[in-house]
Amino acid sequence: MPSLSMSAVSSGNEGLFDGSGKLDRSDKLESASRCKKKKVSETTPCNDVPVLRRAAMDYLARREHSLFELMQKLSKKFPETDKELLLEVLETLKSEKLQSDERFTEAYVRYRKSRGFAYLHIKADLAGRRVSDRLITKHLLVDDEDWQRTAQQLVVKKLRHQESPSYGSKLHRKLTRFLESRGFASTEIRKALEKHLV
């Protein structure tokens, strides 16, 4: 297998790592430019490991990704490239702790919670990104007190400048569907709405 040196990472990833010496930004890679010089198209295979590695690192520089997400993105970018080679590149990044499903899960849960999404929605998203049940259970708690608090905050926000709904009314049903779409459990929805019903 070709060497997967850290010098394959492009200089566009500055600030991604600390001063541990893992990232050498001064190297100029001739091999990394091969596919670019050819202007890789959607049907051109690229078996140049530094180019594949750099593409993966470019995605990771923007945000954490699950291994499955990275594989999907690289497969789309280089559709004719051997999947085994792509997997080798990604497994190397994983072994170097540059890609981590655990870090991705932790960051994803924190971000989606901050956007007002709840357990069921986030769990489905993580499962769709092929995150293991072990990591989901570790970082996503079904009995997290934040779920109820967030549901109540969303209801208050939605009811701003509106009259309180009655049980079974159009507005009540609309709020219920909205909270369900955000991934809240039925008990959380009921508690969040009941104090606003007339």
Protein backbone atom coordinates (compact mmCIF):
# COMPACT_ATOMS: atom_id res chain seq x y z
CA MET A 1 0.00 0.00 0.00
CA PRO A 2 1.36 3.49 -0.84
CA SER A 3 2.68 5.58 2.02
CA LEU A 4 0.05 7.64 3.81
CA SER A 5 2.27 10.38 5.24
CA MET A 6 0.78 13.38 7.00
CA SER A 7 2.44 15.60 4.44
CA ALA A 8 -0.42 14.65 2.12
CA VAL A 9 -2.64 17.06 3.99
CA SER A 10 -3.12 20.32 2.19
CA SER A 11 -2.14 23.66 3.66
CA GLY A 12 -5.82 24.58 3.66
CA ASN A 13 -6.18 22.70 6.93
CA GLU A 14 -4.19 25.19 9.01
CA GLY A 15 -5.37 25.39 12.58
CA LEU A 16 -6.88 21.93 12.52
CA PHE A 17 -4.20 20.47 14.77
CA ASP A 18 -2.17 21.69 17.72
CA GLY A 19 1.57 22.12 17.69
CA SER A 20 2.28 18.44 18.14
CA GLY A 21 4.18 18.34 14.87
CA LYS A 22 1.71 16.00 13.20
CA LEU A 23 0.89 18.38 10.38
CA ASP A 24 3.71 19.57 8.13
CA ARG A 25 2.31 22.48 6.14
CA SER A 26 5.51 23.30 4.28
CA ASP A 27 5.64 20.19 2.10
CA LYS A 28 4.75 20.54 -1.55
CA LEU A 29 3.37 17.32 -2.95
CA GLU A 30 3.92 16.60 -6.57
CA SER A 31 1.90 13.41 -6.33
CA ALA A 32 -1.03 15.24 -4.75
CA SER A 33 -1.39 17.37 -7.85
CA ARG A 34 -1.62 14.50 -10.32
CA CYS A 35 -5.37 14.12 -10.23
CA LYS A 36 -5.91 17.87 -10.06
CA LYS A 37 -3.79 18.43 -13.16
CA LYS A 38 -5.99 15.94 -14.94
CA LYS A 39 -9.04 17.86 -13.69
CA VAL A 40 -10.68 14.81 -12.17
CA SER A 41 -14.17 14.36 -13.52
CA GLU A 42 -17.08 12.45 -12.05
CA THR A 43 -16.05 9.40 -14.05
CA THR A 44 -12.26 9.55 -13.68
CA PRO A 45 -10.79 7.11 -11.15
CA CYS A 46 -8.16 8.47 -8.81
CA ASN A 47 -5.88 5.91 -7.18
CA ASP A 48 -3.45 8.50 -5.86
CA VAL A 49 -3.48 7.95 -2.09
CA PRO A 50 -2.28 11.47 -1.13
CA VAL A 51 -5.07 13.02 -3.21
CA LEU A 52 -7.70 10.78 -1.62
CA ARG A 53 -6.31 11.49 1.84
CA ARG A 54 -6.29 15.23 1.21
CA ALA A 55 -9.89 15.14 0.00
CA ALA A 56 -10.92 13.33 3.21
CA MET A 57 -8.98 15.82 5.32
CA ASP A 58 -10.67 18.71 3.54
CA TYR A 59 -14.03 17.36 4.67
CA LEU A 60 -12.75 16.84 8.21
CA ALA A 61 -11.40 20.39 8.31
CA ARG A 62 -14.95 21.69 7.93
CA ARG A 63 -16.50 19.47 10.61
CA GLU A 64 -16.36 16.02 12.17
CA HIS A 65 -17.67 13.20 9.96
CA SER A 66 -18.59 9.62 10.64
CA LEU A 67 -16.54 7.04 8.76
CA PHE A 68 -19.62 6.15 6.73
CA GLU A 69 -20.21 9.79 5.73
CA LEU A 70 -16.62 10.19 4.57
CA MET A 71 -16.82 7.00 2.56
CA GLN A 72 -20.00 8.25 0.88
CA LYS A 73 -18.51 11.64 0.05
CA LEU A 74 -15.28 10.23 -1.34
CA SER A 75 -17.18 7.62 -3.36
CA LYS A 76 -19.26 10.42 -4.86
CA LYS A 77 -16.22 12.59 -5.57
CA PHE A 78 -14.22 9.68 -7.04
CA PRO A 79 -16.93 7.25 -8.23
CA GLU A 80 -14.62 5.03 -10.28
CA THR A 81 -12.02 4.65 -7.53
CA ASP A 82 -11.62 1.25 -5.90
CA LYS A 83 -13.67 1.16 -2.69
CA GLU A 84 -11.04 -0.93 -0.94
CA LEU A 85 -8.48 1.81 -1.51
CA LEU A 86 -10.87 4.43 -0.15
CA LEU A 87 -11.48 2.29 2.91
CA GLU A 88 -7.73 1.85 3.47
CA VAL A 89 -7.25 5.62 3.40
CA LEU A 90 -10.08 6.16 5.87
CA GLU A 91 -8.96 3.38 8.19
CA THR A 92 -5.53 5.00 8.32
CA LEU A 93 -7.06 8.34 9.26
CA LYS A 94 -9.07 6.56 11.92
CA SER A 95 -6.00 4.80 13.34
CA GLU A 96 -4.23 8.19 13.51
CA LYS A 97 -7.22 9.61 15.43
CA LEU A 98 -7.86 12.14 12.68
CA GLN A 99 -11.29 10.66 12.09
CA SER A 100 -13.37 9.50 15.03
CA ASP A 101 -16.97 8.29 15.14
CA GLU A 102 -16.95 9.04 18.86
CA ARG A 103 -15.98 12.68 18.37
CA PHE A 104 -18.49 12.95 15.54
CA THR A 105 -21.29 11.52 17.72
CA GLU A 106 -20.51 13.81 20.63
CA ALA A 107 -20.37 16.91 18.40
CA TYR A 108 -23.48 15.93 16.44
CA VAL A 109 -25.59 15.35 19.55
CA ARG A 110 -24.49 18.68 21.03
CA TYR A 111 -25.22 20.57 17.81
CA ARG A 112 -28.63 19.03 17.15
CA LYS A 113 -29.72 19.57 20.75
CA SER A 114 -28.77 23.24 20.42
CA ARG A 115 -31.00 23.42 17.33
CA GLY A 116 -34.05 22.14 19.21
CA PHE A 117 -34.07 18.50 18.14
CA ALA A 118 -34.76 15.66 20.56
CA TYR A 119 -33.83 12.06 21.23
CA LEU A 120 -35.82 10.21 18.57
CA HIS A 121 -34.80 12.53 15.75
CA ILE A 122 -31.11 12.61 16.68
CA LYS A 123 -30.99 8.85 17.19
CA ALA A 124 -32.43 8.25 13.71
CA ASP A 125 -29.91 10.69 12.19
CA LEU A 126 -26.98 8.95 13.87
CA ALA A 127 -28.22 5.51 12.83
CA GLY A 128 -28.46 6.80 9.25
CA ARG A 129 -24.81 7.78 9.47
CA ARG A 130 -23.97 4.23 10.61
CA VAL A 131 -22.88 5.25 14.10
CA SER A 132 -22.76 2.21 16.40
CA ASP A 133 -25.47 1.61 19.00
CA ARG A 134 -22.75 1.71 21.66
CA LEU A 135 -21.77 5.27 20.77
CA ILE A 136 -25.37 6.41 20.44
CA THR A 137 -26.20 5.02 23.88
CA LYS A 138 -23.10 6.63 25.35
CA HIS A 139 -23.67 10.14 24.03
CA LEU A 140 -27.45 10.33 23.58
CA LEU A 141 -29.48 9.85 26.76
CA VAL A 142 -33.16 9.02 26.43
CA ASP A 143 -33.89 10.40 29.93
CA ASP A 144 -31.96 13.64 29.47
CA GLU A 145 -33.76 16.46 31.32
CA ASP A 146 -32.95 18.81 28.44
CA TRP A 147 -35.61 17.19 26.24
CA GLN A 148 -38.50 18.41 28.38
CA ARG A 149 -36.99 21.85 28.85
CA THR A 150 -36.38 22.23 25.11
CA ALA A 151 -39.92 21.10 24.25
CA GLN A 152 -41.37 23.70 26.60
CA GLN A 153 -39.16 26.44 25.14
CA LEU A 154 -40.25 25.55 21.62
CA VAL A 155 -43.94 25.68 22.58
CA VAL A 156 -43.51 29.11 24.20
CA LYS A 157 -41.75 30.36 21.09
CA LYS A 158 -44.43 28.96 18.77
CA LEU A 159 -47.27 30.44 20.84
CA ARG A 160 -45.78 33.91 20.98
CA HIS A 161 -48.44 36.44 19.90
CA GLN A 162 -51.07 33.68 19.69
CA GLU A 163 -53.93 32.70 21.94
CA SER A 164 -53.56 29.53 23.98
CA PRO A 165 -54.96 26.52 22.11
CA SER A 166 -57.73 24.27 23.31
CA TYR A 167 -57.26 20.51 23.45
CA GLY A 168 -57.79 18.94 20.02
CA SER A 169 -57.88 22.29 18.23
CA LYS A 170 -56.10 22.91 14.94
CA LEU A 171 -53.30 24.76 16.72
CA HIS A 172 -52.94 22.01 19.31
CA ARG A 173 -52.61 19.38 16.60
CA LYS A 174 -50.15 21.55 14.68
CA LEU A 175 -47.93 21.97 17.75
CA THR A 176 -48.11 18.24 18.46
CA ARG A 177 -47.01 17.38 14.92
CA PHE A 178 -44.21 19.94 15.11
CA LEU A 179 -42.81 18.48 18.34
CA GLU A 180 -43.14 14.95 16.96
CA SER A 181 -41.13 15.99 13.89
CA ARG A 182 -38.41 17.27 16.23
CA GLY A 183 -38.15 13.87 17.89
CA PHE A 184 -39.87 14.42 21.23
CA ALA A 185 -41.60 11.55 23.00
CA SER A 186 -45.38 11.67 23.50
CA THR A 187 -45.06 12.25 27.26
CA GLU A 188 -42.71 15.18 26.67
CA ILE A 189 -45.12 16.66 24.14
CA ARG A 190 -48.09 16.28 26.47
CA LYS A 191 -46.29 17.93 29.39
CA ALA A 192 -44.99 20.77 27.23
CA LEU A 193 -48.47 21.55 25.90
CA GLU A 194 -50.75 20.92 28.85
CA LYS A 195 -49.93 24.10 30.76
CA HIS A 196 -50.82 26.19 27.69
CA LEU A 197 -54.19 24.56 26.97
CA VAL A 198 -57.42 26.37 27.77
